């Protein structure tokens, strides 16, 4: 009985909150989007690497795979990448199947592990690239530029986005001969981050394109942005 009572109270509370919100938004208001972008030179690279080993026998695939993963981790530690910046994930093994003569045929087994790590010394880029390329079964899923102060810049862009929304709302209200009074609701719109994708097949042309130079990166800038939607109450026209 107590459970039912608590549930009923919770439902009534949620309903009351929904009604109150609807009533609030039924008042004269303006809804606007505010966007802010901050561009900074990246000082980190986030790597996503996969190690995959195949063999006709699962125990052999698992044994070879363990050695390849350990070789990759040892290589990263030799470069003095902090251990807390290295993480293994998605360890798995399974069966390999191929479509042969119009039917699926099991040809063996595989073992797979993802390795993620972050570097702050961007001068290590080429060493990591070619070092990992020398380890059997290793492929690079993606690399992504980032900044160690991302949270600070994200907070800064969030504030600027809200100010931009307020300015836009104020201009719209003034055009209608009124003004905004207070914010009713603020929503932050999720922003998607994209990672650059590469493959080892590009490594030769990549090196030749730089003339064999150790400066193999064009850092450019990354954009740290925020987009918000804000509802402002408007004063009724006099």
Protein backbone atom coordinates (compact mmCIF):
# COMPACT_ATOMS: atom_id res chain seq x y z
CA UNK A 1 0.00 0.00 0.00
CA UNK A 2 2.82 2.39 0.85
CA UNK A 3 4.46 1.63 -2.48
CA UNK A 4 1.27 2.57 -4.32
CA UNK A 5 0.94 5.76 -2.30
CA UNK A 6 4.52 6.81 -3.05
CA UNK A 7 4.04 6.03 -6.73
CA UNK A 8 0.80 8.06 -6.85
CA UNK A 9 2.48 11.02 -5.17
CA UNK A 10 5.36 10.82 -7.63
CA UNK A 11 2.99 10.76 -10.60
CA UNK A 12 1.02 13.71 -9.26
CA UNK A 13 4.24 15.63 -8.71
CA UNK A 14 5.44 14.94 -12.26
CA UNK A 15 2.06 15.92 -13.68
CA UNK A 16 2.01 19.13 -11.67
CA UNK A 17 5.52 19.96 -12.84
CA UNK A 18 4.58 19.34 -16.50
CA UNK A 19 1.45 21.50 -16.21
CA UNK A 20 3.42 24.26 -14.49
CA UNK A 21 6.04 24.17 -17.23
CA UNK A 22 3.39 24.27 -19.97
CA UNK A 23 1.66 27.20 -18.31
CA UNK A 24 4.98 28.99 -18.02
CA UNK A 25 5.73 28.54 -21.69
CA UNK A 26 2.19 29.62 -22.62
CA UNK A 27 3.04 33.11 -21.41
CA UNK A 28 4.42 35.60 -23.95
CA UNK A 29 7.94 34.39 -24.67
CA UNK A 30 10.64 34.15 -27.29
CA UNK A 31 12.79 31.05 -27.95
CA UNK A 32 16.23 31.53 -29.51
CA UNK A 33 19.41 29.60 -30.20
CA UNK A 34 22.77 30.92 -29.06
CA UNK A 35 26.07 29.62 -30.44
CA UNK A 36 29.65 30.36 -29.45
CA UNK A 37 32.92 28.99 -30.87
CA UNK A 38 36.42 29.21 -29.44
CA UNK A 39 39.37 28.23 -31.64
CA UNK A 40 42.58 27.03 -30.01
CA UNK A 41 45.77 25.31 -31.15
CA UNK A 42 45.60 21.68 -29.92
CA UNK A 43 48.24 20.40 -27.51
CA UNK A 44 47.10 16.76 -27.31
CA UNK A 45 46.37 13.89 -29.66
CA UNK A 46 43.98 11.11 -28.67
CA UNK A 47 44.75 7.80 -30.38
CA UNK A 48 42.42 4.85 -30.92
CA UNK A 49 44.30 1.68 -31.91
CA UNK A 50 43.14 -1.89 -32.54
CA UNK A 51 45.17 -5.09 -32.25
CA UNK A 52 43.70 -8.09 -34.06
CA UNK A 53 45.21 -11.56 -34.40
CA UNK A 54 43.89 -14.40 -36.54
CA UNK A 55 44.74 -18.11 -36.55
CA UNK A 56 43.16 -21.46 -37.34
CA UNK A 57 43.26 -22.41 -33.66
CA UNK A 58 41.86 -20.20 -30.89
CA UNK A 59 44.58 -20.95 -28.28
CA UNK A 60 47.26 -20.02 -30.84
CA UNK A 61 45.41 -16.82 -31.81
CA UNK A 62 45.04 -15.89 -28.13
CA UNK A 63 48.74 -16.54 -27.42
CA UNK A 64 49.96 -14.53 -30.41
CA UNK A 65 47.49 -11.79 -29.61
CA UNK A 66 48.68 -11.44 -26.03
CA UNK A 67 52.26 -10.97 -27.28
CA UNK A 68 51.21 -8.32 -29.83
CA UNK A 69 49.24 -6.36 -27.24
CA UNK A 70 52.11 -6.52 -24.77
CA UNK A 71 54.54 -5.39 -27.48
CA UNK A 72 52.32 -2.40 -28.30
CA UNK A 73 51.96 -1.44 -24.61
CA UNK A 74 55.70 -1.81 -23.99
CA UNK A 75 56.43 0.39 -27.01
CA UNK A 76 54.16 3.14 -25.67
CA UNK A 77 55.76 2.93 -22.22
CA UNK A 78 59.22 3.19 -23.80
CA UNK A 79 58.10 6.54 -25.20
CA UNK A 80 57.34 7.57 -21.59
CA UNK A 81 53.62 7.97 -22.19
CA UNK A 82 52.09 8.00 -18.67
CA UNK A 83 50.34 4.76 -17.72
CA UNK A 84 47.21 6.65 -16.69
CA UNK A 85 46.97 7.90 -20.29
CA UNK A 86 46.87 4.34 -21.71
CA UNK A 87 43.79 2.12 -21.60
CA UNK A 88 42.86 -1.24 -23.08
CA UNK A 89 39.22 -2.04 -23.82
CA UNK A 90 36.87 -4.28 -25.82
CA UNK A 91 38.94 -7.43 -25.38
CA UNK A 92 37.20 -10.18 -27.35
CA UNK A 93 37.67 -13.29 -29.44
CA UNK A 94 35.45 -15.16 -31.87
CA UNK A 95 35.17 -17.21 -35.02
CA UNK A 96 36.29 -16.11 -38.49
CA UNK A 97 33.87 -16.91 -41.28
CA UNK A 98 34.24 -16.50 -45.06
CA UNK A 99 31.72 -16.88 -47.86
CA UNK A 100 33.13 -19.65 -50.07
CA UNK A 101 31.32 -21.51 -52.86
CA UNK A 102 27.99 -19.90 -51.94
CA UNK A 103 28.14 -20.85 -48.26
CA UNK A 104 29.65 -19.57 -45.01
CA UNK A 105 32.74 -21.49 -43.95
CA UNK A 106 34.56 -21.19 -40.63
CA UNK A 107 38.22 -20.56 -41.44
CA UNK A 108 39.58 -19.96 -37.94
CA UNK A 109 39.44 -17.64 -34.96
CA UNK A 110 40.39 -14.10 -34.00
CA UNK A 111 41.32 -12.17 -30.87
CA UNK A 112 40.95 -8.40 -30.68
CA UNK A 113 41.80 -5.59 -28.24
CA UNK A 114 41.42 -1.81 -28.49
CA UNK A 115 44.11 0.45 -27.06
CA UNK A 116 43.45 4.13 -26.41
CA UNK A 117 46.06 6.63 -25.32
CA UNK A 118 46.70 10.37 -25.24
CA UNK A 119 49.98 12.17 -25.95
CA UNK A 120 50.96 15.71 -25.03
CA UNK A 121 54.36 15.59 -26.75
CA UNK A 122 53.24 16.01 -30.35
CA UNK A 123 56.79 15.41 -31.53
CA UNK A 124 56.17 11.70 -30.88
CA UNK A 125 53.62 11.49 -33.68
CA UNK A 126 55.84 9.92 -36.35
CA UNK A 127 57.60 7.60 -33.89
CA UNK A 128 54.25 6.26 -32.76
CA UNK A 129 52.92 6.00 -36.30
CA UNK A 130 55.80 3.91 -37.66
CA UNK A 131 56.46 2.10 -34.37
CA UNK A 132 52.92 0.74 -34.26
CA UNK A 133 53.07 -0.09 -37.97
CA UNK A 134 55.92 -2.51 -37.24
CA UNK A 135 53.79 -4.58 -34.82
CA UNK A 136 51.82 -7.39 -36.42
CA UNK A 137 48.04 -7.01 -36.33
CA UNK A 138 47.99 -3.35 -35.24
CA UNK A 139 45.83 -0.78 -37.02
CA UNK A 140 44.96 2.83 -36.18
CA UNK A 141 41.22 3.43 -35.93
CA UNK A 142 41.47 7.19 -35.52
CA UNK A 143 43.39 10.12 -34.08
CA UNK A 144 41.79 13.24 -32.65
CA UNK A 145 43.22 16.60 -31.67
CA UNK A 146 42.30 17.93 -28.25
CA UNK A 147 43.38 20.48 -25.64
CA UNK A 148 44.29 19.86 -22.01
CA UNK A 149 42.20 22.89 -21.00
CA UNK A 150 39.12 21.81 -22.92
CA UNK A 151 36.86 22.11 -19.86
CA UNK A 152 37.95 25.72 -19.29
CA UNK A 153 37.31 26.64 -22.93
CA UNK A 154 34.04 24.69 -22.95
CA UNK A 155 32.79 26.66 -19.95
CA UNK A 156 33.86 29.90 -21.63
CA UNK A 157 32.00 29.02 -24.84
CA UNK A 158 28.93 28.00 -22.79
CA UNK A 159 28.78 31.45 -21.17
CA UNK A 160 29.24 33.20 -24.49
CA UNK A 161 26.49 31.10 -26.08
CA UNK A 162 24.01 32.12 -23.37
CA UNK A 163 24.97 35.79 -23.77
CA UNK A 164 24.53 35.48 -27.54
CA UNK A 165 21.07 33.99 -27.01
CA UNK A 166 20.10 36.82 -24.66
CA UNK A 167 21.29 39.45 -27.15
CA UNK A 168 19.38 37.79 -29.98
CA UNK A 169 16.20 37.53 -27.90
CA UNK A 170 16.50 41.15 -26.80
CA UNK A 171 16.84 42.32 -30.41
CA UNK A 172 13.84 40.28 -31.52
CA UNK A 173 11.67 41.57 -28.67
CA UNK A 174 12.73 45.17 -29.31
CA UNK A 175 11.72 44.78 -32.96
CA UNK A 176 8.23 43.90 -31.72
CA UNK A 177 8.11 46.93 -29.44
CA UNK A 178 8.62 44.99 -26.20
CA UNK A 179 11.46 43.52 -24.14
CA UNK A 180 12.52 40.29 -22.48
CA UNK A 181 12.12 39.95 -18.70
CA UNK A 182 13.66 36.68 -17.54
CA UNK A 183 14.76 33.28 -18.83
CA UNK A 184 12.19 30.49 -18.49
CA UNK A 185 14.21 27.55 -19.74
CA UNK A 186 17.74 26.84 -20.97
CA UNK A 187 18.75 23.79 -23.01
CA UNK A 188 22.27 22.90 -24.12
CA UNK A 189 22.33 21.21 -27.54
CA UNK A 190 24.83 18.30 -27.66
CA UNK A 191 27.71 18.89 -30.06
CA UNK A 192 29.30 16.00 -31.93
CA UNK A 193 33.07 15.69 -32.05
CA UNK A 194 34.69 14.12 -35.07
CA UNK A 195 37.90 12.10 -35.17
CA UNK A 196 40.26 11.99 -38.13
CA UNK A 197 40.64 8.49 -39.58
CA UNK A 198 43.86 7.14 -41.06
CA UNK A 199 45.34 3.86 -42.21
CA UNK A 200 48.89 2.57 -42.40
CA UNK A 201 48.57 2.35 -46.17
CA UNK A 202 48.98 6.15 -46.21
CA UNK A 203 52.27 6.13 -44.30
CA UNK A 204 54.69 6.13 -47.27
CA UNK A 205 53.01 8.93 -49.20
CA UNK A 206 52.52 10.79 -45.90
CA UNK A 207 56.28 10.76 -45.26
CA UNK A 208 57.14 11.64 -48.85
CA UNK A 209 54.68 14.53 -48.79
CA UNK A 210 56.59 16.07 -45.91
CA UNK A 211 59.92 15.64 -47.69
CA UNK A 212 61.13 13.31 -44.94
CA UNK A 213 60.77 16.14 -42.46
CA UNK A 214 60.16 15.38 -38.79
CA UNK A 215 57.49 18.08 -38.86
CA UNK A 216 54.71 15.81 -40.10
CA UNK A 217 51.80 17.63 -38.48
CA UNK A 218 49.81 20.67 -39.48
CA UNK A 219 48.09 21.43 -36.20
CA UNK A 220 45.86 24.24 -37.32
CA UNK A 221 43.15 24.92 -34.75
CA UNK A 222 40.33 22.97 -33.15
CA UNK A 223 36.92 24.42 -32.43
CA UNK A 224 35.37 24.14 -28.99
CA UNK A 225 31.75 25.17 -29.32
CA UNK A 226 28.47 25.32 -27.44
CA UNK A 227 24.93 25.72 -28.71
CA UNK A 228 22.03 26.52 -26.40
CA UNK A 229 18.30 27.11 -26.74
CA UNK A 230 16.85 29.64 -24.32
CA UNK A 231 13.23 30.61 -23.65
CA UNK A 232 12.75 34.18 -22.38
CA UNK A 233 9.58 35.64 -20.94
CA UNK A 234 8.52 38.79 -22.79
CA UNK A 235 6.76 41.81 -21.41
CA UNK A 236 3.28 42.30 -22.84
CA UNK A 237 2.95 45.19 -25.25
CA UNK A 238 1.64 48.36 -23.65
